[in-house]
Amino acid sequence: MTRLSLFLPIALLTSLALILDFVLDRAGPFSLGAGTIGLLLGISYSSKIKRDQEQITKSCINILLPIAIVLLGFGLDIERISNDEVGLVGLIAILTSIFTAFASTFMISKILGIEKPQAFALGAGGAICGTSAVLAVAPTLNLSNKQTGAIVAVVNFLGLLTFLSIPLLSRGLSMDIDAAGIWAGATVHAVPQAVAAGEALGSEAMSLASGTKLTRVIGLLIVVPAATLFSKGTSTKPGKLGLGVPNIPLFLPGFMLASMVATFILPSELSNNLEMIGGIIMVPVLVLIGVGIRPNELINLSRSVLLAGLFSTLFVMVSTYTALAILM
């Protein structure tokens, strides 16, 4: 009965998030995204969750999250990101973005007293692919639902700011269309937002933004194992990776395998559908994270995280723009 009393509202909140996202996409210039809406709806419902249900929410997250991330791997076309559209300039912009995101986040987090595991997750969200990156590293970093929820909320907010500001700044700075497309792909947090920012600049910019952003996603293959260095504990269970050796999540090779299958075996339409299913599964994951957070707890956690993320995002935008101005 306890499970049923939890699953029904989660299903309803997930459905409501997907419907609201669809309506906002059709009616307005943009939507926050179904995942962000789901997180907010989950937080609004959190006061109704009983303590004995919290373990159930964690178990559901542990089941659904790896499935969602592996399915999202079908959206990574290896051939597309290895062609000439993302050349040396794009690669330098990507490396500049990733280095700046992590370096500035750790520096500011140290000043603000944010723990290293949280700083790493925040840096991953800004450096790689927004919410997906945060959720990919959170289990390895042993972050609580409250910590993960705060970082996801901040990353989504900052992703929205970059998505809206990059096209306007590109025009205001009179950037070349190619440079503007690469800038969007190297700075905007989430993949759909990066593509949409490129689209606002034109079809050529959209192609460059997509290729640059998808190349950044490959960083998951490095960032997730690296998260073990900043985790609070390591796996000590023999039979997995050995005594005292960090446990690398199984969804990481699953993500890469999915991308290879999508690139060389499956038709693009089927791959796109599998990626879409992964995005849909991510919505109840964020709802479940949301219901484990009390609003006052989120506010207390988010202040310093928001400041660190905001300054880091500004540093990333300035550093990548400078790199592109020099190279192009």
C-alpha atoms as a PDB file:
ATOM      1  CA  MET A   1       0.000   0.000   0.000  1.00  0.00           C
ATOM      2  CA  THR A   2       2.926   2.315   0.805  1.00  0.00           C
ATOM      3  CA  ARG A   3       4.353   1.768  -2.677  1.00  0.00           C
ATOM      4  CA  LEU A   4       1.013   2.391  -4.381  1.00  0.00           C
ATOM      5  CA  SER A   5       0.455   5.609  -2.411  1.00  0.00           C
ATOM      6  CA  LEU A   6       3.836   6.820  -3.737  1.00  0.00           C
ATOM      7  CA  PHE A   7       3.802   5.518  -7.310  1.00  0.00           C
ATOM      8  CA  LEU A   8       0.408   6.997  -8.215  1.00  0.00           C
ATOM      9  CA  PRO A   9       1.315  10.647  -7.427  1.00  0.00           C
ATOM     10  CA  ILE A  10       4.749  10.197  -9.051  1.00  0.00           C
ATOM     11  CA  ALA A  11       3.057   8.962 -12.225  1.00  0.00           C
ATOM     12  CA  LEU A  12       0.597  11.853 -12.146  1.00  0.00           C
ATOM     13  CA  LEU A  13       3.328  14.453 -11.569  1.00  0.00           C
ATOM     14  CA  THR A  14       5.418  12.939 -14.381  1.00  0.00           C
ATOM     15  CA  SER A  15       2.459  13.086 -16.765  1.00  0.00           C
ATOM     16  CA  LEU A  16       1.721  16.677 -15.744  1.00  0.00           C
ATOM     17  CA  ALA A  17       5.358  17.684 -16.347  1.00  0.00           C
ATOM     18  CA  LEU A  18       5.347  16.156 -19.837  1.00  0.00           C
ATOM     19  CA  ILE A  19       2.010  17.818 -20.697  1.00  0.00           C
ATOM     20  CA  LEU A  20       3.124  21.234 -19.431  1.00  0.00           C
ATOM     21  CA  ASP A  21       6.379  20.967 -21.375  1.00  0.00           C
ATOM     22  CA  PHE A  22       4.461  20.104 -24.555  1.00  0.00           C
ATOM     23  CA  VAL A  23       2.029  23.006 -24.077  1.00  0.00           C
ATOM     24  CA  LEU A  24       4.789  25.519 -23.330  1.00  0.00           C
ATOM     25  CA  ASP A  25       6.779  24.366 -26.369  1.00  0.00           C
ATOM     26  CA  ARG A  26       3.760  24.866 -28.601  1.00  0.00           C
ATOM     27  CA  ALA A  27       2.502  28.117 -27.073  1.00  0.00           C
ATOM     28  CA  GLY A  28       5.663  30.032 -26.224  1.00  0.00           C
ATOM     29  CA  PRO A  29       9.257  30.675 -27.285  1.00  0.00           C
ATOM     30  CA  PHE A  30      10.675  28.057 -24.900  1.00  0.00           C
ATOM     31  CA  SER A  31       9.965  25.653 -22.064  1.00  0.00           C
ATOM     32  CA  LEU A  32      11.937  24.959 -18.910  1.00  0.00           C
ATOM     33  CA  GLY A  33      11.998  21.330 -20.035  1.00  0.00           C
ATOM     34  CA  ALA A  34       9.957  18.413 -18.724  1.00  0.00           C
ATOM     35  CA  GLY A  35      12.728  17.370 -16.337  1.00  0.00           C
ATOM     36  CA  THR A  36      12.978  20.785 -14.680  1.00  0.00           C
ATOM     37  CA  ILE A  37       9.200  21.045 -14.421  1.00  0.00           C
ATOM     38  CA  GLY A  38       9.124  17.543 -12.914  1.00  0.00           C
ATOM     39  CA  LEU A  39      11.754  18.522 -10.325  1.00  0.00           C
ATOM     40  CA  LEU A  40       9.729  21.593  -9.314  1.00  0.00           C
ATOM     41  CA  LEU A  41       6.493  19.613  -9.121  1.00  0.00           C
ATOM     42  CA  GLY A  42       8.250  16.981  -7.012  1.00  0.00           C
ATOM     43  CA  ILE A  43       9.522  19.629  -4.582  1.00  0.00           C
ATOM     44  CA  SER A  44       6.030  21.106  -4.294  1.00  0.00           C
ATOM     45  CA  TYR A  45       4.704  17.642  -3.345  1.00  0.00           C
ATOM     46  CA  SER A  46       7.562  16.778  -0.955  1.00  0.00           C
ATOM     47  CA  SER A  47       5.637  17.669   2.217  1.00  0.00           C
ATOM     48  CA  LYS A  48       3.219  14.806   1.458  1.00  0.00           C
ATOM     49  CA  ILE A  49       5.985  12.168   1.410  1.00  0.00           C
ATOM     50  CA  LYS A  50       6.365  10.060   4.540  1.00  0.00           C
ATOM     51  CA  ARG A  51       9.752   9.119   5.949  1.00  0.00           C
ATOM     52  CA  ASP A  52       9.160   5.415   5.344  1.00  0.00           C
ATOM     53  CA  GLN A  53       8.731   6.140   1.624  1.00  0.00           C
ATOM     54  CA  GLU A  54      12.124   7.829   1.167  1.00  0.00           C
ATOM     55  CA  GLN A  55      13.982   4.521   0.811  1.00  0.00           C
ATOM     56  CA  ILE A  56      11.527   3.499  -1.914  1.00  0.00           C
ATOM     57  CA  THR A  57      12.259   6.712  -3.840  1.00  0.00           C
ATOM     58  CA  LYS A  58      16.012   6.032  -3.645  1.00  0.00           C
ATOM     59  CA  SER A  59      15.514   2.480  -4.922  1.00  0.00           C
ATOM     60  CA  CYS A  60      13.420   3.729  -7.842  1.00  0.00           C
ATOM     61  CA  ILE A  61      16.058   6.316  -8.752  1.00  0.00           C
ATOM     62  CA  ASN A  62      18.780   3.642  -8.681  1.00  0.00           C
ATOM     63  CA  ILE A  63      16.730   1.515 -11.114  1.00  0.00           C
ATOM     64  CA  LEU A  64      15.509   4.212 -13.522  1.00  0.00           C
ATOM     65  CA  LEU A  65      18.579   6.467 -13.739  1.00  0.00           C
ATOM     66  CA  PRO A  66      20.981   3.944 -15.380  1.00  0.00           C
ATOM     67  CA  ILE A  67      18.276   2.954 -17.888  1.00  0.00           C
ATOM     68  CA  ALA A  68      17.688   6.603 -18.820  1.00  0.00           C
ATOM     69  CA  ILE A  69      21.387   7.398 -19.243  1.00  0.00           C
ATOM     70  CA  VAL A  70      22.039   4.336 -21.421  1.00  0.00           C
ATOM     71  CA  LEU A  71      19.066   5.208 -23.638  1.00  0.00           C
ATOM     72  CA  LEU A  72      20.314   8.790 -23.940  1.00  0.00           C
ATOM     73  CA  GLY A  73      23.505   7.293 -25.371  1.00  0.00           C
ATOM     74  CA  PHE A  74      21.559   6.437 -28.538  1.00  0.00           C
ATOM     75  CA  GLY A  75      21.465  10.161 -29.273  1.00  0.00           C
ATOM     76  CA  LEU A  76      25.254  10.399 -29.567  1.00  0.00           C
ATOM     77  CA  ASP A  77      26.276   9.956 -33.210  1.00  0.00           C
ATOM     78  CA  ILE A  78      30.033   9.254 -33.171  1.00  0.00           C
ATOM     79  CA  GLU A  79      30.467   9.862 -36.914  1.00  0.00           C
ATOM     80  CA  ARG A  80      28.694  13.211 -36.737  1.00  0.00           C
ATOM     81  CA  ILE A  81      30.936  14.572 -34.009  1.00  0.00           C
ATOM     82  CA  SER A  82      34.122  13.293 -35.662  1.00  0.00           C
ATOM     83  CA  ASN A  83      33.637  15.106 -38.968  1.00  0.00           C
ATOM     84  CA  ASP A  84      35.068  18.449 -40.074  1.00  0.00           C
ATOM     85  CA  GLU A  85      32.174  20.463 -38.623  1.00  0.00           C
ATOM     86  CA  VAL A  86      33.901  20.366 -35.268  1.00  0.00           C
ATOM     87  CA  GLY A  87      37.481  21.079 -36.225  1.00  0.00           C
ATOM     88  CA  LEU A  88      40.513  22.226 -34.266  1.00  0.00           C
ATOM     89  CA  VAL A  89      38.847  25.509 -33.290  1.00  0.00           C
ATOM     90  CA  GLY A  90      35.791  23.705 -31.940  1.00  0.00           C
ATOM     91  CA  LEU A  91      37.950  21.244 -30.028  1.00  0.00           C
ATOM     92  CA  ILE A  92      39.953  24.057 -28.413  1.00  0.00           C
ATOM     93  CA  ALA A  93      36.704  25.825 -27.471  1.00  0.00           C
ATOM     94  CA  ILE A  94      35.384  22.603 -25.899  1.00  0.00           C
ATOM     95  CA  LEU A  95      38.580  21.970 -23.916  1.00  0.00           C
ATOM     96  CA  THR A  96      38.619  25.605 -22.790  1.00  0.00           C
ATOM     97  CA  SER A  97      35.000  25.309 -21.657  1.00  0.00           C
ATOM     98  CA  ILE A  98      35.542  22.069 -19.723  1.00  0.00           C
ATOM     99  CA  PHE A  99      38.767  23.221 -18.052  1.00  0.00           C
ATOM    100  CA  THR A 100      37.323  26.610 -17.099  1.00  0.00           C
ATOM    101  CA  ALA A 101      34.089  25.096 -15.777  1.00  0.00           C
ATOM    102  CA  PHE A 102      35.878  22.730 -13.409  1.00  0.00           C
ATOM    103  CA  ALA A 103      38.723  25.070 -12.406  1.00  0.00           C
ATOM    104  CA  SER A 104      36.480  28.048 -11.646  1.00  0.00           C
ATOM    105  CA  THR A 105      33.856  25.915  -9.882  1.00  0.00           C
ATOM    106  CA  PHE A 106      36.432  24.352  -7.559  1.00  0.00           C
ATOM    107  CA  MET A 107      38.068  27.722  -6.879  1.00  0.00           C
ATOM    108  CA  ILE A 108      34.796  29.493  -6.050  1.00  0.00           C
ATOM    109  CA  SER A 109      33.416  26.494  -4.150  1.00  0.00           C
ATOM    110  CA  LYS A 110      36.478  26.485  -1.896  1.00  0.00           C
ATOM    111  CA  ILE A 111      35.887  30.154  -1.080  1.00  0.00           C
ATOM    112  CA  LEU A 112      32.179  29.518  -0.374  1.00  0.00           C
ATOM    113  CA  GLY A 113      32.782  26.371   1.661  1.00  0.00           C
ATOM    114  CA  ILE A 114      31.127  23.920  -0.761  1.00  0.00           C
ATOM    115  CA  GLU A 115      32.349  20.338  -0.377  1.00  0.00           C
ATOM    116  CA  LYS A 116      34.414  18.821  -3.201  1.00  0.00           C
ATOM    117  CA  PRO A 117      31.835  16.173  -4.248  1.00  0.00           C
ATOM    118  CA  GLN A 118      29.180  18.874  -4.705  1.00  0.00           C
ATOM    119  CA  ALA A 119      31.648  21.136  -6.508  1.00  0.00           C
ATOM    120  CA  PHE A 120      32.567  18.296  -8.869  1.00  0.00           C
ATOM    121  CA  ALA A 121      28.894  17.595  -9.709  1.00  0.00           C
ATOM    122  CA  LEU A 122      28.245  21.308 -10.303  1.00  0.00           C
ATOM    123  CA  GLY A 123      31.324  21.542 -12.519  1.00  0.00           C
ATOM    124  CA  ALA A 124      30.244  18.449 -14.472  1.00  0.00           C
ATOM    125  CA  GLY A 125      26.819  19.958 -15.112  1.00  0.00           C
ATOM    126  CA  GLY A 126      28.329  23.121 -16.556  1.00  0.00           C
ATOM    127  CA  ALA A 127      31.202  21.439 -18.366  1.00  0.00           C
ATOM    128  CA  ILE A 128      29.501  18.457 -19.992  1.00  0.00           C
ATOM    129  CA  CYS A 129      25.729  18.232 -20.444  1.00  0.00           C
ATOM    130  CA  GLY A 130      23.684  19.780 -17.658  1.00  0.00           C
ATOM    131  CA  THR A 131      21.268  17.586 -15.708  1.00  0.00           C
ATOM    132  CA  SER A 132      22.387  14.324 -17.324  1.00  0.00           C
ATOM    133  CA  ALA A 133      25.987  14.880 -16.208  1.00  0.00           C
ATOM    134  CA  VAL A 134      24.943  15.784 -12.654  1.00  0.00           C
ATOM    135  CA  LEU A 135      22.787  12.670 -12.354  1.00  0.00           C
ATOM    136  CA  ALA A 136      25.525  10.522 -13.923  1.00  0.00           C
ATOM    137  CA  VAL A 137      28.125  11.480 -11.302  1.00  0.00           C
ATOM    138  CA  ALA A 138      25.830  11.851  -8.269  1.00  0.00           C
ATOM    139  CA  PRO A 139      25.754   8.115  -7.322  1.00  0.00           C
ATOM    140  CA  THR A 140      29.556   7.845  -7.481  1.00  0.00           C
ATOM    141  CA  LEU A 141      29.919  11.006  -5.387  1.00  0.00           C
ATOM    142  CA  ASN A 142      27.439   9.683  -2.805  1.00  0.00           C
ATOM    143  CA  LEU A 143      25.395  12.884  -2.965  1.00  0.00           C
ATOM    144  CA  SER A 144      22.091  13.003  -1.107  1.00  0.00           C
ATOM    145  CA  ASN A 145      18.835  13.735  -2.911  1.00  0.00           C
ATOM    146  CA  LYS A 146      18.870  17.219  -1.382  1.00  0.00           C
ATOM    147  CA  GLN A 147      22.371  17.971  -2.654  1.00  0.00           C
ATOM    148  CA  THR A 148      21.632  16.501  -6.083  1.00  0.00           C
ATOM    149  CA  GLY A 149      18.343  18.387  -6.334  1.00  0.00           C
ATOM    150  CA  ALA A 150      19.966  21.703  -5.443  1.00  0.00           C
ATOM    151  CA  ILE A 151      22.679  21.238  -8.076  1.00  0.00           C
ATOM    152  CA  VAL A 152      20.171  20.101 -10.728  1.00  0.00           C
ATOM    153  CA  ALA A 153      17.981  23.139 -10.023  1.00  0.00           C
ATOM    154  CA  VAL A 154      20.927  25.530 -10.300  1.00  0.00           C
ATOM    155  CA  VAL A 155      22.323  23.883 -13.449  1.00  0.00           C
ATOM    156  CA  ASN A 156      18.921  24.063 -15.142  1.00  0.00           C
ATOM    157  CA  PHE A 157      18.514  27.719 -14.191  1.00  0.00           C
ATOM    158  CA  LEU A 158      21.973  28.562 -15.527  1.00  0.00           C
ATOM    159  CA  GLY A 159      21.331  26.493 -18.638  1.00  0.00           C
ATOM    160  CA  LEU A 160      18.241  28.588 -19.290  1.00  0.00           C
ATOM    161  CA  LEU A 161      20.263  31.799 -18.877  1.00  0.00           C
ATOM    162  CA  THR A 162      22.946  30.684 -21.342  1.00  0.00           C
ATOM    163  CA  PHE A 163      20.328  29.416 -23.795  1.00  0.00           C
ATOM    164  CA  LEU A 164      18.643  32.851 -23.813  1.00  0.00           C
ATOM    165  CA  SER A 165      21.764  35.022 -23.666  1.00  0.00           C
ATOM    166  CA  ILE A 166      24.157  33.389 -26.154  1.00  0.00           C
ATOM    167  CA  PRO A 167      22.102  34.206 -29.319  1.00  0.00           C
ATOM    168  CA  LEU A 168      21.596  37.807 -28.126  1.00  0.00           C
ATOM    169  CA  LEU A 169      25.241  38.286 -27.171  1.00  0.00           C
ATOM    170  CA  SER A 170      26.425  36.709 -30.430  1.00  0.00           C
ATOM    171  CA  ARG A 171      24.488  39.265 -32.429  1.00  0.00           C
ATOM    172  CA  GLY A 172      25.438  42.119 -30.109  1.00  0.00           C
ATOM    173  CA  LEU A 173      29.130  41.234 -30.455  1.00  0.00           C
ATOM    174  CA  SER A 174      28.753  40.820 -34.253  1.00  0.00           C
ATOM    175  CA  MET A 175      30.244  37.333 -34.126  1.00  0.00           C
ATOM    176  CA  ASP A 176      30.842  35.314 -37.280  1.00  0.00           C
ATOM    177  CA  ILE A 177      28.073  32.726 -37.734  1.00  0.00           C
ATOM    178  CA  ASP A 178      30.518  29.815 -37.407  1.00  0.00           C
ATOM    179  CA  ALA A 179      32.058  31.238 -34.234  1.00  0.00           C
ATOM    180  CA  ALA A 180      28.605  31.888 -32.790  1.00  0.00           C
ATOM    181  CA  GLY A 181      27.519  28.287 -33.446  1.00  0.00           C
ATOM    182  CA  ILE A 182      30.636  26.867 -31.792  1.00  0.00           C
ATOM    183  CA  TRP A 183      30.214  29.298 -28.868  1.00  0.00           C
ATOM    184  CA  ALA A 184      26.655  28.086 -28.310  1.00  0.00           C
ATOM    185  CA  GLY A 185      27.741  24.435 -28.393  1.00  0.00           C
ATOM    186  CA  ALA A 186      30.680  25.064 -26.053  1.00  0.00           C
ATOM    187  CA  THR A 187      28.791  27.036 -23.400  1.00  0.00           C
ATOM    188  CA  VAL A 188      25.064  26.170 -23.237  1.00  0.00           C
ATOM    189  CA  HIS A 189      24.482  23.448 -20.641  1.00  0.00           C
ATOM    190  CA  ALA A 190      21.926  20.930 -21.990  1.00  0.00           C
ATOM    191  CA  VAL A 191      21.954  19.388 -25.495  1.00  0.00           C
ATOM    192  CA  PRO A 192      18.422  20.522 -26.523  1.00  0.00           C
ATOM    193  CA  GLN A 193      19.137  24.050 -25.279  1.00  0.00           C
ATOM    194  CA  ALA A 194      22.434  24.193 -27.195  1.00  0.00           C
ATOM    195  CA  VAL A 195      20.724  23.048 -30.399  1.00  0.00           C
ATOM    196  CA  ALA A 196      17.903  25.577 -29.878  1.00  0.00           C
ATOM    197  CA  ALA A 197      20.419  28.386 -29.273  1.00  0.00           C
ATOM    198  CA  GLY A 198      22.172  27.454 -32.517  1.00  0.00           C
ATOM    199  CA  GLU A 199      18.854  27.320 -34.353  1.00  0.00           C
ATOM    200  CA  ALA A 200      18.113  30.882 -33.221  1.00  0.00           C
ATOM    201  CA  LEU A 201      21.295  31.938 -35.027  1.00  0.00           C
ATOM    202  CA  GLY A 202      20.601  30.049 -38.273  1.00  0.00           C
ATOM    203  CA  SER A 203      20.854  26.576 -39.796  1.00  0.00           C
ATOM    204  CA  GLU A 204      24.660  26.675 -40.194  1.00  0.00           C
ATOM    205  CA  ALA A 205      25.115  27.746 -36.574  1.00  0.00           C
ATOM    206  CA  MET A 206      22.700  25.042 -35.421  1.00  0.00           C
ATOM    207  CA  SER A 207      24.772  22.335 -37.113  1.00  0.00           C
ATOM    208  CA  LEU A 208      27.970  23.610 -35.496  1.00  0.00           C
ATOM    209  CA  ALA A 209      26.288  24.020 -32.110  1.00  0.00           C
ATOM    210  CA  SER A 210      24.972  20.443 -32.285  1.00  0.00           C
ATOM    211  CA  GLY A 211      28.318  18.931 -33.252  1.00  0.00           C
ATOM    212  CA  THR A 212      30.229  20.927 -30.640  1.00  0.00           C
ATOM    213  CA  LYS A 213      27.752  20.092 -27.886  1.00  0.00           C
ATOM    214  CA  LEU A 214      27.672  16.371 -28.701  1.00  0.00           C
ATOM    215  CA  THR A 215      31.462  16.312 -28.609  1.00  0.00           C
ATOM    216  CA  ARG A 216      31.285  17.776 -25.097  1.00  0.00           C
ATOM    217  CA  VAL A 217      28.959  14.904 -24.095  1.00  0.00           C
ATOM    218  CA  ILE A 218      31.813  12.447 -24.707  1.00  0.00           C
ATOM    219  CA  GLY A 219      33.377  14.021 -21.647  1.00  0.00           C
ATOM    220  CA  LEU A 220      31.031  11.808 -19.591  1.00  0.00           C
ATOM    221  CA  LEU A 221      33.379   8.911 -20.338  1.00  0.00           C
ATOM    222  CA  ILE A 222      36.150  10.723 -18.454  1.00  0.00           C
ATOM    223  CA  VAL A 223      34.132  12.666 -15.886  1.00  0.00           C
ATOM    224  CA  VAL A 224      32.186   9.739 -14.388  1.00  0.00           C
ATOM    225  CA  PRO A 225      35.284   7.653 -13.543  1.00  0.00           C
ATOM    226  CA  ALA A 226      37.064  10.823 -12.371  1.00  0.00           C
ATOM    227  CA  ALA A 227      34.211  11.437  -9.921  1.00  0.00           C
ATOM    228  CA  THR A 228      35.514   8.526  -7.851  1.00  0.00           C
ATOM    229  CA  LEU A 229      38.484  10.684  -6.843  1.00  0.00           C
ATOM    230  CA  PHE A 230      36.110  13.110  -5.155  1.00  0.00           C
ATOM    231  CA  SER A 231      33.686  10.585  -3.666  1.00  0.00           C
ATOM    232  CA  LYS A 232      33.315  10.220   0.094  1.00  0.00           C
ATOM    233  CA  GLY A 233      33.928   6.475  -0.043  1.00  0.00           C
ATOM    234  CA  THR A 234      35.087   3.600  -2.261  1.00  0.00           C
ATOM    235  CA  SER A 235      33.736   0.162  -2.908  1.00  0.00           C
ATOM    236  CA  THR A 236      35.148  -2.422  -0.530  1.00  0.00           C
ATOM    237  CA  LYS A 237      33.121  -5.364  -1.738  1.00  0.00           C
ATOM    238  CA  PRO A 238      35.261  -8.077  -3.287  1.00  0.00           C
ATOM    239  CA  GLY A 239      34.042  -9.426  -6.590  1.00  0.00           C
ATOM    240  CA  LYS A 240      33.264  -6.062  -8.163  1.00  0.00           C
ATOM    241  CA  LEU A 241      36.361  -4.036  -8.872  1.00  0.00           C
ATOM    242  CA  GLY A 242      38.491  -5.315  -6.024  1.00  0.00           C
ATOM    243  CA  LEU A 243      39.081  -4.286  -2.442  1.00  0.00           C
ATOM    244  CA  GLY A 244      39.212  -0.512  -2.006  1.00  0.00           C
ATOM    245  CA  VAL A 245      38.861   0.216  -5.731  1.00  0.00           C
ATOM    246  CA  PRO A 246      36.204   2.780  -6.746  1.00  0.00           C
ATOM    247  CA  ASN A 247      33.128   1.213  -8.300  1.00  0.00           C
ATOM    248  CA  ILE A 248      32.624   2.551 -11.856  1.00  0.00           C
ATOM    249  CA  PRO A 249      28.876   2.679 -12.688  1.00  0.00           C
ATOM    250  CA  LEU A 250      27.811   0.085 -15.258  1.00  0.00           C
ATOM    251  CA  PHE A 251      25.796   2.659 -17.173  1.00  0.00           C
ATOM    252  CA  LEU A 252      29.052   4.242 -18.399  1.00  0.00           C
ATOM    253  CA  PRO A 253      30.032   1.386 -20.774  1.00  0.00           C
ATOM    254  CA  GLY A 254      26.314   1.013 -21.512  1.00  0.00           C
ATOM    255  CA  PHE A 255      26.165   4.656 -22.637  1.00  0.00           C
ATOM    256  CA  MET A 256      29.144   4.196 -24.959  1.00  0.00           C
ATOM    257  CA  LEU A 257      27.856   0.902 -26.342  1.00  0.00           C
ATOM    258  CA  ALA A 258      24.504   2.527 -27.076  1.00  0.00           C
ATOM    259  CA  SER A 259      26.216   5.341 -28.982  1.00  0.00           C
ATOM    260  CA  MET A 260      28.233   2.854 -31.081  1.00  0.00           C
ATOM    261  CA  VAL A 261      25.118   0.797 -31.872  1.00  0.00           C
ATOM    262  CA  ALA A 262      23.259   3.987 -32.822  1.00  0.00           C
ATOM    263  CA  THR A 263      26.110   5.131 -35.067  1.00  0.00           C
ATOM    264  CA  PHE A 264      26.919   1.917 -36.928  1.00  0.00           C
ATOM    265  CA  ILE A 265      23.909  -0.398 -36.688  1.00  0.00           C
ATOM    266  CA  LEU A 266      20.525   1.160 -35.955  1.00  0.00           C
ATOM    267  CA  PRO A 267      18.630   3.481 -38.328  1.00  0.00           C
ATOM    268  CA  SER A 268      18.631   7.078 -37.107  1.00  0.00           C
ATOM    269  CA  GLU A 269      14.862   7.150 -36.599  1.00  0.00           C
ATOM    270  CA  LEU A 270      15.010   4.221 -34.158  1.00  0.00           C
ATOM    271  CA  SER A 271      18.005   5.727 -32.340  1.00  0.00           C
ATOM    272  CA  ASN A 272      16.175   9.036 -31.974  1.00  0.00           C
ATOM    273  CA  ASN A 273      13.136   7.245 -30.560  1.00  0.00           C
ATOM    274  CA  LEU A 274      15.271   5.397 -28.003  1.00  0.00           C
ATOM    275  CA  GLU A 275      16.905   8.663 -26.976  1.00  0.00           C
ATOM    276  CA  MET A 276      13.455  10.228 -26.605  1.00  0.00           C
ATOM    277  CA  ILE A 277      12.373   7.345 -24.336  1.00  0.00           C
ATOM    278  CA  GLY A 278      15.502   7.957 -22.236  1.00  0.00           C
ATOM    279  CA  GLY A 279      14.528  11.617 -21.905  1.00  0.00           C
ATOM    280  CA  ILE A 280      11.020  10.625 -20.819  1.00  0.00           C
ATOM    281  CA  ILE A 281      12.363   8.169 -18.210  1.00  0.00           C
ATOM    282  CA  MET A 282      14.554  10.953 -16.836  1.00  0.00           C
ATOM    283  CA  VAL A 283      11.422  12.942 -15.905  1.00  0.00           C
ATOM    284  CA  PRO A 284      10.178  10.585 -13.128  1.00  0.00           C
ATOM    285  CA  VAL A 285      13.783  10.385 -11.878  1.00  0.00           C
ATOM    286  CA  LEU A 286      13.754  14.155 -11.354  1.00  0.00           C
ATOM    287  CA  VAL A 287      10.265  14.003  -9.819  1.00  0.00           C
ATOM    288  CA  LEU A 288      11.546  11.385  -7.361  1.00  0.00           C
ATOM    289  CA  ILE A 289      14.550  13.568  -6.525  1.00  0.00           C
ATOM    290  CA  GLY A 290      12.189  16.502  -6.010  1.00  0.00           C
ATOM    291  CA  VAL A 291       9.885  14.714  -3.570  1.00  0.00           C
ATOM    292  CA  GLY A 292      12.882  14.017  -1.351  1.00  0.00           C
ATOM    293  CA  ILE A 293      13.604  17.737  -0.951  1.00  0.00           C
ATOM    294  CA  ARG A 294      11.917  20.182   1.401  1.00  0.00           C
ATOM    295  CA  PRO A 295      11.762  23.721  -0.107  1.00  0.00           C
ATOM    296  CA  ASN A 296      13.474  25.358   2.882  1.00  0.00           C
ATOM    297  CA  GLU A 297      16.299  22.797   2.671  1.00  0.00           C
ATOM    298  CA  LEU A 298      16.728  23.509  -1.039  1.00  0.00           C
ATOM    299  CA  ILE A 299      16.981  27.259  -0.419  1.00  0.00           C
ATOM    300  CA  ASN A 300      19.635  26.768   2.253  1.00  0.00           C
ATOM    301  CA  LEU A 301      21.660  24.477  -0.010  1.00  0.00           C
ATOM    302  CA  SER A 302      21.229  26.460  -3.227  1.00  0.00           C
ATOM    303  CA  ARG A 303      22.539  29.892  -2.239  1.00  0.00           C
ATOM    304  CA  SER A 304      26.228  29.068  -2.319  1.00  0.00           C
ATOM    305  CA  VAL A 305      25.757  26.554  -5.158  1.00  0.00           C
ATOM    306  CA  LEU A 306      23.963  29.195  -7.232  1.00  0.00           C
ATOM    307  CA  LEU A 307      26.746  31.735  -6.702  1.00  0.00           C
ATOM    308  CA  ALA A 308      29.450  29.210  -7.606  1.00  0.00           C
ATOM    309  CA  GLY A 309      27.540  28.075 -10.702  1.00  0.00           C
ATOM    310  CA  LEU A 310      26.774  31.628 -11.811  1.00  0.00           C
ATOM    311  CA  PHE A 311      30.377  32.846 -11.620  1.00  0.00           C
ATOM    312  CA  SER A 312      31.641  29.631 -13.218  1.00  0.00           C
ATOM    313  CA  THR A 313      29.207  30.041 -16.125  1.00  0.00           C
ATOM    314  CA  LEU A 314      30.329  33.630 -16.659  1.00  0.00           C
ATOM    315  CA  PHE A 315      33.988  32.530 -16.662  1.00  0.00           C
ATOM    316  CA  VAL A 316      33.186  29.806 -19.222  1.00  0.00           C
ATOM    317  CA  MET A 317      31.378  32.263 -21.513  1.00  0.00           C
ATOM    318  CA  VAL A 318      34.225  34.788 -21.355  1.00  0.00           C
ATOM    319  CA  SER A 319      37.042  32.239 -21.789  1.00  0.00           C
ATOM    320  CA  THR A 320      35.439  30.460 -24.766  1.00  0.00           C
ATOM    321  CA  TYR A 321      34.578  33.762 -26.427  1.00  0.00           C
ATOM    322  CA  THR A 322      38.166  34.928 -25.982  1.00  0.00           C
ATOM    323  CA  ALA A 323      39.511  31.667 -27.452  1.00  0.00           C
ATOM    324  CA  LEU A 324      37.225  31.969 -30.471  1.00  0.00           C
ATOM    325  CA  ALA A 325      38.081  35.654 -30.969  1.00  0.00           C
ATOM    326  CA  ILE A 326      41.789  34.769 -31.077  1.00  0.00           C
ATOM    327  CA  LEU A 327      41.413  31.697 -33.321  1.00  0.00           C
ATOM    328  CA  MET A 328      38.775  33.027 -35.724  1.00  0.00           C
END
